[in-house]
Amino acid sequence: MPKLIAGSYSGIKPREVFFSGDGGNVATKIKWIRWTQAIAVGRGTSNIQGCVPNCAQGSEAPVATSVTFSRPRAGHFTKVVEVRDGHPLVGHYGHHIGWPQGAQ
């Protein structure tokens, strides 16, 4: 089974995936619908930061979030698509922008 490699995490079916290092985008309570040799699909929630008066003190609104890992190579997934609040984020393993910073 292909693994997810994100920061120091290497494994399958994490409950949380950290898409940002500052906690501004963390998919939580992920329930995995599918985890196969080709693709992994999960559904959970994440918080959208209000950032008023600033991101550290602003409110957060939970939204439904989907996470899809694909393009397995050398035993791990190399592509991630996160969709939250209708907005997709696409990342590729080895490219810093958009790739998960960690998981658990």
PDB file of N, CA and C in Angstrom:
ATOM      1  N   MET A   1       0.841  -1.175   0.000  1.00  0.00           N
ATOM      2  CA  MET A   1       0.000   0.000   0.000  1.00  0.00           C
ATOM      3  C   MET A   1       0.892   1.247   0.000  1.00  0.00           C
ATOM      4  N   PRO A   2       0.629   2.200  -0.870  1.00  0.00           N
ATOM      5  CA  PRO A   2       1.411   3.444  -0.844  1.00  0.00           C
ATOM      6  C   PRO A   2       1.184   4.213   0.457  1.00  0.00           C
ATOM      7  N   LYS A   3       2.222   4.891   0.914  1.00  0.00           N
ATOM      8  CA  LYS A   3       2.171   5.689   2.130  1.00  0.00           C
ATOM      9  C   LYS A   3       2.050   7.169   1.790  1.00  0.00           C
ATOM     10  N   LEU A   4       1.681   7.931   2.798  1.00  0.00           N
ATOM     11  CA  LEU A   4       1.784   9.381   2.741  1.00  0.00           C
ATOM     12  C   LEU A   4       3.065   9.747   3.470  1.00  0.00           C
ATOM     13  N   ILE A   5       3.893  10.549   2.844  1.00  0.00           N
ATOM     14  CA  ILE A   5       5.061  11.119   3.507  1.00  0.00           C
ATOM     15  C   ILE A   5       4.808  12.615   3.620  1.00  0.00           C
ATOM     16  N   ALA A   6       4.748  13.108   4.844  1.00  0.00           N
ATOM     17  CA  ALA A   6       4.483  14.530   5.101  1.00  0.00           C
ATOM     18  C   ALA A   6       5.258  14.935   6.344  1.00  0.00           C
ATOM     19  N   GLY A   7       6.302  15.717   6.171  1.00  0.00           N
ATOM     20  CA  GLY A   7       7.162  16.057   7.294  1.00  0.00           C
ATOM     21  C   GLY A   7       7.788  14.804   7.850  1.00  0.00           C
ATOM     22  N   SER A   8       7.711  14.579   9.148  1.00  0.00           N
ATOM     23  CA  SER A   8       8.285  13.378   9.760  1.00  0.00           C
ATOM     24  C   SER A   8       7.317  12.197   9.713  1.00  0.00           C
ATOM     25  N   TYR A   9       6.100  12.409   9.220  1.00  0.00           N
ATOM     26  CA  TYR A   9       5.091  11.346   9.152  1.00  0.00           C
ATOM     27  C   TYR A   9       5.314  10.480   7.910  1.00  0.00           C
ATOM     28  N   SER A  10       5.218   9.187   8.083  1.00  0.00           N
ATOM     29  CA  SER A  10       5.236   8.237   6.973  1.00  0.00           C
ATOM     30  C   SER A  10       4.304   7.097   7.352  1.00  0.00           C
ATOM     31  N   GLY A  11       3.147   7.019   6.686  1.00  0.00           N
ATOM     32  CA  GLY A  11       2.195   5.980   7.033  1.00  0.00           C
ATOM     33  C   GLY A  11       0.947   6.056   6.186  1.00  0.00           C
ATOM     34  N   ILE A  12      -0.091   5.354   6.642  1.00  0.00           N
ATOM     35  CA  ILE A  12      -1.353   5.342   5.918  1.00  0.00           C
ATOM     36  C   ILE A  12      -2.475   5.835   6.832  1.00  0.00           C
ATOM     37  N   LYS A  13      -3.488   6.383   6.213  1.00  0.00           N
ATOM     38  CA  LYS A  13      -4.715   6.824   6.857  1.00  0.00           C
ATOM     39  C   LYS A  13      -4.519   7.718   8.088  1.00  0.00           C
ATOM     40  N   PRO A  14      -3.818   8.854   7.926  1.00  0.00           N
ATOM     41  CA  PRO A  14      -3.694   9.758   9.072  1.00  0.00           C
ATOM     42  C   PRO A  14      -5.041  10.387   9.417  1.00  0.00           C
ATOM     43  N   ARG A  15      -5.235  10.720  10.687  1.00  0.00           N
ATOM     44  CA  ARG A  15      -6.471  11.386  11.125  1.00  0.00           C
ATOM     45  C   ARG A  15      -6.411  12.886  10.862  1.00  0.00           C
ATOM     46  N   GLU A  16      -5.178  13.432  10.798  1.00  0.00           N
ATOM     47  CA  GLU A  16      -4.986  14.848  10.537  1.00  0.00           C
ATOM     48  C   GLU A  16      -3.862  15.034   9.528  1.00  0.00           C
ATOM     49  N   VAL A  17      -3.999  16.046   8.665  1.00  0.00           N
ATOM     50  CA  VAL A  17      -2.950  16.410   7.716  1.00  0.00           C
ATOM     51  C   VAL A  17      -2.744  17.913   7.828  1.00  0.00           C
ATOM     52  N   PHE A  18      -1.496  18.306   8.053  1.00  0.00           N
ATOM     53  CA  PHE A  18      -1.136  19.714   8.219  1.00  0.00           C
ATOM     54  C   PHE A  18      -0.674  20.267   6.877  1.00  0.00           C
ATOM     55  N   PHE A  19      -1.496  21.107   6.278  1.00  0.00           N
ATOM     56  CA  PHE A  19      -1.154  21.690   4.984  1.00  0.00           C
ATOM     57  C   PHE A  19      -0.337  22.964   5.137  1.00  0.00           C
ATOM     58  N   SER A  20      -0.258  23.499   6.347  1.00  0.00           N
ATOM     59  CA  SER A  20       0.564  24.679   6.585  1.00  0.00           C
ATOM     60  C   SER A  20       1.332  24.482   7.884  1.00  0.00           C
ATOM     61  N   GLY A  21       2.485  25.079   7.950  1.00  0.00           N
ATOM     62  CA  GLY A  21       3.317  24.942   9.128  1.00  0.00           C
ATOM     63  C   GLY A  21       2.838  25.770  10.311  1.00  0.00           C
ATOM     64  N   ASP A  22       1.970  26.772  10.076  1.00  0.00           N
ATOM     65  CA  ASP A  22       1.518  27.655  11.156  1.00  0.00           C
ATOM     66  C   ASP A  22       0.152  27.273  11.720  1.00  0.00           C
ATOM     67  N   GLY A  23      -0.401  26.159  11.283  1.00  0.00           N
ATOM     68  CA  GLY A  23      -1.706  25.720  11.784  1.00  0.00           C
ATOM     69  C   GLY A  23      -2.879  26.393  11.109  1.00  0.00           C
ATOM     70  N   GLY A  24      -2.638  27.173  10.068  1.00  0.00           N
ATOM     71  CA  GLY A  24      -3.712  27.872   9.371  1.00  0.00           C
ATOM     72  C   GLY A  24      -4.533  26.985   8.460  1.00  0.00           C
ATOM     73  N   ASN A  25      -4.040  25.798   8.160  1.00  0.00           N
ATOM     74  CA  ASN A  25      -4.784  24.860   7.312  1.00  0.00           C
ATOM     75  C   ASN A  25      -4.453  23.446   7.754  1.00  0.00           C
ATOM     76  N   VAL A  26      -5.284  22.893   8.613  1.00  0.00           N
ATOM     77  CA  VAL A  26      -5.122  21.535   9.109  1.00  0.00           C
ATOM     78  C   VAL A  26      -6.426  20.784   8.872  1.00  0.00           C
ATOM     79  N   ALA A  27      -6.373  19.736   8.080  1.00  0.00           N
ATOM     80  CA  ALA A  27      -7.545  18.878   7.881  1.00  0.00           C
ATOM     81  C   ALA A  27      -7.605  17.902   9.052  1.00  0.00           C
ATOM     82  N   THR A  28      -8.745  17.860   9.748  1.00  0.00           N
ATOM     83  CA  THR A  28      -8.884  17.024  10.939  1.00  0.00           C
ATOM     84  C   THR A  28     -10.066  16.061  10.797  1.00  0.00           C
ATOM     85  N   LYS A  29     -10.109  15.108  11.707  1.00  0.00           N
ATOM     86  CA  LYS A  29     -11.207  14.127  11.763  1.00  0.00           C
ATOM     87  C   LYS A  29     -11.422  13.460  10.405  1.00  0.00           C
ATOM     88  N   ILE A  30     -10.312  13.136   9.731  1.00  0.00           N
ATOM     89  CA  ILE A  30     -10.408  12.546   8.392  1.00  0.00           C
ATOM     90  C   ILE A  30     -10.889  11.100   8.499  1.00  0.00           C
ATOM     91  N   LYS A  31     -11.908  10.785   7.728  1.00  0.00           N
ATOM     92  CA  LYS A  31     -12.390   9.408   7.568  1.00  0.00           C
ATOM     93  C   LYS A  31     -12.061   9.008   6.142  1.00  0.00           C
ATOM     94  N   TRP A  32     -11.311   7.934   6.000  1.00  0.00           N
ATOM     95  CA  TRP A  32     -10.843   7.502   4.682  1.00  0.00           C
ATOM     96  C   TRP A  32     -11.895   6.634   4.006  1.00  0.00           C
ATOM     97  N   ILE A  33     -12.356   7.087   2.849  1.00  0.00           N
ATOM     98  CA  ILE A  33     -13.346   6.381   2.056  1.00  0.00           C
ATOM     99  C   ILE A  33     -12.671   5.284   1.235  1.00  0.00           C
ATOM    100  N   ARG A  34     -11.438   5.586   0.803  1.00  0.00           N
ATOM    101  CA  ARG A  34     -10.699   4.647  -0.046  1.00  0.00           C
ATOM    102  C   ARG A  34      -9.205   4.861   0.174  1.00  0.00           C
ATOM    103  N   TRP A  35      -8.453   3.753   0.253  1.00  0.00           N
ATOM    104  CA  TRP A  35      -6.993   3.808   0.291  1.00  0.00           C
ATOM    105  C   TRP A  35      -6.509   2.578  -0.464  1.00  0.00           C
ATOM    106  N   THR A  36      -6.162   2.780  -1.736  1.00  0.00           N
ATOM    107  CA  THR A  36      -5.781   1.669  -2.606  1.00  0.00           C
ATOM    108  C   THR A  36      -4.357   1.876  -3.123  1.00  0.00           C
ATOM    109  N   GLN A  37      -3.941   1.003  -4.022  1.00  0.00           N
ATOM    110  CA  GLN A  37      -2.622   1.122  -4.648  1.00  0.00           C
ATOM    111  C   GLN A  37      -2.503   2.370  -5.511  1.00  0.00           C
ATOM    112  N   ALA A  38      -3.626   2.931  -5.955  1.00  0.00           N
ATOM    113  CA  ALA A  38      -3.598   4.061  -6.890  1.00  0.00           C
ATOM    114  C   ALA A  38      -4.034   5.389  -6.290  1.00  0.00           C
ATOM    115  N   ILE A  39      -4.916   5.351  -5.287  1.00  0.00           N
ATOM    116  CA  ILE A  39      -5.511   6.601  -4.806  1.00  0.00           C
ATOM    117  C   ILE A  39      -5.990   6.448  -3.362  1.00  0.00           C
ATOM    118  N   ALA A  40      -5.967   7.554  -2.631  1.00  0.00           N
ATOM    119  CA  ALA A  40      -6.535   7.607  -1.284  1.00  0.00           C
ATOM    120  C   ALA A  40      -7.458   8.820  -1.232  1.00  0.00           C
ATOM    121  N   VAL A  41      -8.682   8.610  -0.715  1.00  0.00           N
ATOM    122  CA  VAL A  41      -9.671   9.674  -0.658  1.00  0.00           C
ATOM    123  C   VAL A  41     -10.257   9.721   0.752  1.00  0.00           C
ATOM    124  N   GLY A  42     -10.221  10.901   1.352  1.00  0.00           N
ATOM    125  CA  GLY A  42     -10.759  11.069   2.693  1.00  0.00           C
ATOM    126  C   GLY A  42     -11.577  12.336   2.812  1.00  0.00           C
ATOM    127  N   ARG A  43     -12.439  12.366   3.835  1.00  0.00           N
ATOM    128  CA  ARG A  43     -13.273  13.527   4.110  1.00  0.00           C
ATOM    129  C   ARG A  43     -13.102  13.899   5.580  1.00  0.00           C
ATOM    130  N   GLY A  44     -13.028  15.205   5.833  1.00  0.00           N
ATOM    131  CA  GLY A  44     -12.895  15.687   7.197  1.00  0.00           C
ATOM    132  C   GLY A  44     -13.328  17.136   7.277  1.00  0.00           C
ATOM    133  N   THR A  45     -12.739  17.874   8.200  1.00  0.00           N
ATOM    134  CA  THR A  45     -13.030  19.295   8.342  1.00  0.00           C
ATOM    135  C   THR A  45     -11.720  20.068   8.493  1.00  0.00           C
ATOM    136  N   SER A  46     -11.784  21.347   8.246  1.00  0.00           N
ATOM    137  CA  SER A  46     -10.679  22.260   8.544  1.00  0.00           C
ATOM    138  C   SER A  46     -11.290  23.614   8.868  1.00  0.00           C
ATOM    139  N   ASN A  47     -10.504  24.472   9.471  1.00  0.00           N
ATOM    140  CA  ASN A  47     -10.992  25.789   9.866  1.00  0.00           C
ATOM    141  C   ASN A  47     -10.475  26.854   8.904  1.00  0.00           C
ATOM    142  N   ILE A  48     -11.369  27.731   8.488  1.00  0.00           N
ATOM    143  CA  ILE A  48     -10.993  28.899   7.699  1.00  0.00           C
ATOM    144  C   ILE A  48     -10.796  30.050   8.692  1.00  0.00           C
ATOM    145  N   GLN A  49      -9.615  30.633   8.679  1.00  0.00           N
ATOM    146  CA  GLN A  49      -9.310  31.723   9.593  1.00  0.00           C
ATOM    147  C   GLN A  49      -9.937  33.031   9.114  1.00  0.00           C
ATOM    148  N   GLY A  50     -10.557  33.760  10.057  1.00  0.00           N
ATOM    149  CA  GLY A  50     -11.158  35.044   9.730  1.00  0.00           C
ATOM    150  C   GLY A  50     -10.143  36.173   9.637  1.00  0.00           C
ATOM    151  N   CYS A  51      -9.045  36.070  10.393  1.00  0.00           N
ATOM    152  CA  CYS A  51      -7.930  37.031  10.358  1.00  0.00           C
ATOM    153  C   CYS A  51      -8.339  38.469  10.666  1.00  0.00           C
ATOM    154  N   VAL A  52      -9.378  38.655  11.493  1.00  0.00           N
ATOM    155  CA  VAL A  52      -9.758  40.000  11.927  1.00  0.00           C
ATOM    156  C   VAL A  52      -9.764  39.989  13.446  1.00  0.00           C
ATOM    157  N   PRO A  53      -8.975  40.741  14.136  1.00  0.00           N
ATOM    158  CA  PRO A  53      -8.103  41.806  13.656  1.00  0.00           C
ATOM    159  C   PRO A  53      -6.806  41.292  13.032  1.00  0.00           C
ATOM    160  N   ASN A  54      -6.438  40.033  13.302  1.00  0.00           N
ATOM    161  CA  ASN A  54      -5.293  39.396  12.654  1.00  0.00           C
ATOM    162  C   ASN A  54      -5.520  37.894  12.720  1.00  0.00           C
ATOM    163  N   CYS A  55      -4.695  37.120  12.028  1.00  0.00           N
ATOM    164  CA  CYS A  55      -4.938  35.676  11.943  1.00  0.00           C
ATOM    165  C   CYS A  55      -4.777  34.967  13.287  1.00  0.00           C
ATOM    166  N   ALA A  56      -3.903  35.475  14.151  1.00  0.00           N
ATOM    167  CA  ALA A  56      -3.707  34.846  15.457  1.00  0.00           C
ATOM    168  C   ALA A  56      -4.905  35.066  16.380  1.00  0.00           C
ATOM    169  N   GLN A  57      -5.602  36.182  16.239  1.00  0.00           N
ATOM    170  CA  GLN A  57      -6.706  36.509  17.146  1.00  0.00           C
ATOM    171  C   GLN A  57      -8.081  36.394  16.498  1.00  0.00           C
ATOM    172  N   GLY A  58      -8.131  36.163  15.200  1.00  0.00           N
ATOM    173  CA  GLY A  58      -9.407  36.108  14.501  1.00  0.00           C
ATOM    174  C   GLY A  58     -10.174  34.831  14.776  1.00  0.00           C
ATOM    175  N   SER A  59     -11.432  34.821  14.392  1.00  0.00           N
ATOM    176  CA  SER A  59     -12.279  33.645  14.580  1.00  0.00           C
ATOM    177  C   SER A  59     -11.976  32.612  13.493  1.00  0.00           C
ATOM    178  N   GLU A  60     -12.442  31.407  13.730  1.00  0.00           N
ATOM    179  CA  GLU A  60     -12.288  30.324  12.763  1.00  0.00           C
ATOM    180  C   GLU A  60     -13.649  29.720  12.473  1.00  0.00           C
ATOM    181  N   ALA A  61     -13.877  29.377  11.221  1.00  0.00           N
ATOM    182  CA  ALA A  61     -15.132  28.743  10.819  1.00  0.00           C
ATOM    183  C   ALA A  61     -14.819  27.364  10.243  1.00  0.00           C
ATOM    184  N   PRO A  62     -15.370  26.281  10.827  1.00  0.00           N
ATOM    185  CA  PRO A  62     -15.119  24.946  10.293  1.00  0.00           C
ATOM    186  C   PRO A  62     -15.842  24.737   8.959  1.00  0.00           C
ATOM    187  N   VAL A  63     -15.158  24.091   8.027  1.00  0.00           N
ATOM    188  CA  VAL A  63     -15.745  23.771   6.723  1.00  0.00           C
ATOM    189  C   VAL A  63     -15.418  22.329   6.353  1.00  0.00           C
ATOM    190  N   ALA A  64     -16.279  21.730   5.537  1.00  0.00           N
ATOM    191  CA  ALA A  64     -16.034  20.388   5.027  1.00  0.00           C
ATOM    192  C   ALA A  64     -14.788  20.416   4.135  1.00  0.00           C
ATOM    193  N   THR A  65     -13.966  19.386   4.260  1.00  0.00           N
ATOM    194  CA  THR A  65     -12.706  19.316   3.529  1.00  0.00           C
ATOM    195  C   THR A  65     -12.527  17.915   2.959  1.00  0.00           C
ATOM    196  N   SER A  66     -12.103  17.835   1.693  1.00  0.00           N
ATOM    197  CA  SER A  66     -11.762  16.535   1.110  1.00  0.00           C
ATOM    198  C   SER A  66     -10.270  16.516   0.794  1.00  0.00           C
ATOM    199  N   VAL A  67      -9.681  15.352   0.931  1.00  0.00           N
ATOM    200  CA  VAL A  67      -8.255  15.158   0.681  1.00  0.00           C
ATOM    201  C   VAL A  67      -8.115  13.956  -0.249  1.00  0.00           C
ATOM    202  N   THR A  68      -7.356  14.140  -1.338  1.00  0.00           N
ATOM    203  CA  THR A  68      -7.104  13.050  -2.277  1.00  0.00           C
ATOM    204  C   THR A  68      -5.610  12.950  -2.531  1.00  0.00           C
ATOM    205  N   PHE A  69      -5.053  11.765  -2.318  1.00  0.00           N
ATOM    206  CA  PHE A  69      -3.649  11.496  -2.644  1.00  0.00           C
ATOM    207  C   PHE A  69      -3.622  10.569  -3.847  1.00  0.00           C
ATOM    208  N   SER A  70      -2.699  10.822  -4.769  1.00  0.00           N
ATOM    209  CA  SER A  70      -2.606   9.988  -5.970  1.00  0.00           C
ATOM    210  C   SER A  70      -1.166   9.989  -6.497  1.00  0.00           C
ATOM    211  N   ARG A  71      -0.991   9.448  -7.698  1.00  0.00           N
ATOM    212  CA  ARG A  71       0.309   9.320  -8.366  1.00  0.00           C
ATOM    213  C   ARG A  71       1.364   8.650  -7.486  1.00  0.00           C
ATOM    214  N   PRO A  72       1.101   7.409  -7.075  1.00  0.00           N
ATOM    215  CA  PRO A  72       2.097   6.730  -6.243  1.00  0.00           C
ATOM    216  C   PRO A  72       3.385   6.449  -7.024  1.00  0.00           C
ATOM    217  N   ARG A  73       4.522   6.700  -6.381  1.00  0.00           N
ATOM    218  CA  ARG A  73       5.837   6.420  -6.930  1.00  0.00           C
ATOM    219  C   ARG A  73       6.719   5.947  -5.775  1.00  0.00           C
ATOM    220  N   ALA A  74       7.466   4.911  -5.999  1.00  0.00           N
ATOM    221  CA  ALA A  74       8.419   4.397  -5.005  1.00  0.00           C
ATOM    222  C   ALA A  74       7.776   4.192  -3.632  1.00  0.00           C
ATOM    223  N   GLY A  75       6.528   3.740  -3.605  1.00  0.00           N
ATOM    224  CA  GLY A  75       5.860   3.387  -2.355  1.00  0.00           C
ATOM    225  C   GLY A  75       5.158   4.510  -1.613  1.00  0.00           C
ATOM    226  N   HIS A  76       5.097   5.705  -2.216  1.00  0.00           N
ATOM    227  CA  HIS A  76       4.382   6.789  -1.551  1.00  0.00           C
ATOM    228  C   HIS A  76       3.671   7.657  -2.587  1.00  0.00           C
ATOM    229  N   PHE A  77       2.611   8.322  -2.122  1.00  0.00           N
ATOM    230  CA  PHE A  77       1.852   9.201  -3.002  1.00  0.00           C
ATOM    231  C   PHE A  77       2.655  10.466  -3.308  1.00  0.00           C
ATOM    232  N   THR A  78       2.535  10.962  -4.531  1.00  0.00           N
ATOM    233  CA  THR A  78       3.305  12.139  -4.936  1.00  0.00           C
ATOM    234  C   THR A  78       2.428  13.336  -5.303  1.00  0.00           C
ATOM    235  N   LYS A  79       1.117  13.180  -5.254  1.00  0.00           N
ATOM    236  CA  LYS A  79       0.219  14.297  -5.549  1.00  0.00           C
ATOM    237  C   LYS A  79      -0.861  14.356  -4.485  1.00  0.00           C
ATOM    238  N   VAL A  80      -1.220  15.580  -4.082  1.00  0.00           N
ATOM    239  CA  VAL A  80      -2.310  15.784  -3.134  1.00  0.00           C
ATOM    240  C   VAL A  80      -3.226  16.871  -3.676  1.00  0.00           C
ATOM    241  N   VAL A  81      -4.521  16.651  -3.506  1.00  0.00           N
ATOM    242  CA  VAL A  81      -5.518  17.677  -3.804  1.00  0.00           C
ATOM    243  C   VAL A  81      -6.379  17.814  -2.550  1.00  0.00           C
ATOM    244  N   GLU A  82      -6.396  19.020  -1.992  1.00  0.00           N
ATOM    245  CA  GLU A  82      -7.257  19.319  -0.862  1.00  0.00           C
ATOM    246  C   GLU A  82      -8.300  20.309  -1.362  1.00  0.00           C
ATOM    247  N   VAL A  83      -9.562  20.049  -1.053  1.00  0.00           N
ATOM    248  CA  VAL A  83     -10.634  20.984  -1.408  1.00  0.00           C
ATOM    249  C   VAL A  83     -11.342  21.352  -0.111  1.00  0.00           C
ATOM    250  N   ARG A  84     -11.315  22.652   0.203  1.00  0.00           N
ATOM    251  CA  ARG A  84     -12.042  23.129   1.382  1.00  0.00           C
ATOM    252  C   ARG A  84     -12.758  24.408   1.010  1.00  0.00           C
ATOM    253  N   ASP A  85     -13.979  24.490   1.442  1.00  0.00           N
ATOM    254  CA  ASP A  85     -14.829  25.634   1.123  1.00  0.00           C
ATOM    255  C   ASP A  85     -14.897  25.859  -0.389  1.00  0.00           C
ATOM    256  N   GLY A  86     -14.843  24.755  -1.142  1.00  0.00           N
ATOM    257  CA  GLY A  86     -14.953  24.825  -2.595  1.00  0.00           C
ATOM    258  C   GLY A  86     -13.693  25.234  -3.333  1.00  0.00           C
ATOM    259  N   HIS A  87     -12.600  25.456  -2.612  1.00  0.00           N
ATOM    260  CA  HIS A  87     -11.361  25.911  -3.234  1.00  0.00           C
ATOM    261  C   HIS A  87     -10.314  24.801  -3.221  1.00  0.00           C
ATOM    262  N   PRO A  88      -9.812  24.401  -4.405  1.00  0.00           N
ATOM    263  CA  PRO A  88      -8.812  23.332  -4.452  1.00  0.00           C
ATOM    264  C   PRO A  88      -7.393  23.856  -4.208  1.00  0.00           C
ATOM    265  N   LEU A  89      -6.610  23.032  -3.558  1.00  0.00           N
ATOM    266  CA  LEU A  89      -5.182  23.245  -3.373  1.00  0.00           C
ATOM    267  C   LEU A  89      -4.501  21.994  -3.907  1.00  0.00           C
ATOM    268  N   VAL A  90      -3.595  22.147  -4.859  1.00  0.00           N
ATOM    269  CA  VAL A  90      -2.914  21.006  -5.473  1.00  0.00           C
ATOM    270  C   VAL A  90      -1.432  21.097  -5.155  1.00  0.00           C
ATOM    271  N   GLY A  91      -0.863  20.008  -4.690  1.00  0.00           N
ATOM    272  CA  GLY A  91       0.560  19.971  -4.386  1.00  0.00           C
ATOM    273  C   GLY A  91       1.189  18.704  -4.915  1.00  0.00           C
ATOM    274  N   HIS A  92       2.498  18.767  -5.105  1.00  0.00           N
ATOM    275  CA  HIS A  92       3.267  17.623  -5.590  1.00  0.00           C
ATOM    276  C   HIS A  92       4.444  17.386  -4.668  1.00  0.00           C
ATOM    277  N   TYR A  93       4.696  16.127  -4.356  1.00  0.00           N
ATOM    278  CA  TYR A  93       5.792  15.768  -3.474  1.00  0.00           C
ATOM    279  C   TYR A  93       7.099  16.316  -4.032  1.00  0.00           C
ATOM    280  N   GLY A  94       7.876  16.942  -3.168  1.00  0.00           N
ATOM    281  CA  GLY A  94       9.142  17.517  -3.600  1.00  0.00           C
ATOM    282  C   GLY A  94       9.050  18.988  -3.946  1.00  0.00           C
ATOM    283  N   HIS A  95       7.833  19.502  -4.045  1.00  0.00           N
ATOM    284  CA  HIS A  95       7.617  20.930  -4.287  1.00  0.00           C
ATOM    285  C   HIS A  95       6.997  21.506  -3.022  1.00  0.00           C
ATOM    286  N   HIS A  96       7.665  22.479  -2.410  1.00  0.00           N
ATOM    287  CA  HIS A  96       7.250  22.994  -1.107  1.00  0.00           C
ATOM    288  C   HIS A  96       5.829  23.563  -1.112  1.00  0.00           C
ATOM    289  N   ILE A  97       5.473  24.313  -2.123  1.00  0.00           N
ATOM    290  CA  ILE A  97       4.186  24.998  -2.131  1.00  0.00           C
ATOM    291  C   ILE A  97       3.045  23.986  -2.194  1.00  0.00           C
ATOM    292  N   GLY A  98       2.179  24.038  -1.212  1.00  0.00           N
ATOM    293  CA  GLY A  98       0.987  23.215  -1.225  1.00  0.00           C
ATOM    294  C   GLY A  98       1.142  21.818  -0.686  1.00  0.00           C
ATOM    295  N   TRP A  99       2.360  21.361  -0.483  1.00  0.00           N
ATOM    296  CA  TRP A  99       2.534  19.987   0.011  1.00  0.00           C
ATOM    297  C   TRP A  99       2.329  19.944   1.509  1.00  0.00           C
ATOM    298  N   PRO A 100       1.724  18.895   2.061  1.00  0.00           N
ATOM    299  CA  PRO A 100       1.514  18.834   3.502  1.00  0.00           C
ATOM    300  C   PRO A 100       2.814  18.955   4.291  1.00  0.00           C
ATOM    301  N   GLN A 101       2.754  19.709   5.369  1.00  0.00           N
ATOM    302  CA  GLN A 101       3.905  19.916   6.242  1.00  0.00           C
ATOM    303  C   GLN A 101       4.043  18.802   7.272  1.00  0.00           C
ATOM    304  N   GLY A 102       2.982  18.054   7.508  1.00  0.00           N
ATOM    305  CA  GLY A 102       3.015  16.976   8.489  1.00  0.00           C
ATOM    306  C   GLY A 102       1.667  16.275   8.552  1.00  0.00           C
ATOM    307  N   ALA A 103       1.612  15.251   9.402  1.00  0.00           N
ATOM    308  CA  ALA A 103       0.375  14.485   9.589  1.00  0.00           C
ATOM    309  C   ALA A 103       0.487  13.707  10.895  1.00  0.00           C
ATOM    310  N   GLN A 104      -0.637  13.169  11.312  1.00  0.00           N
ATOM    311  CA  GLN A 104      -0.628  12.261  12.468  1.00  0.00           C
ATOM    312  C   GLN A 104      -1.866  11.389  12.440  1.00  0.00           C
TER     313      GLN A 104
END
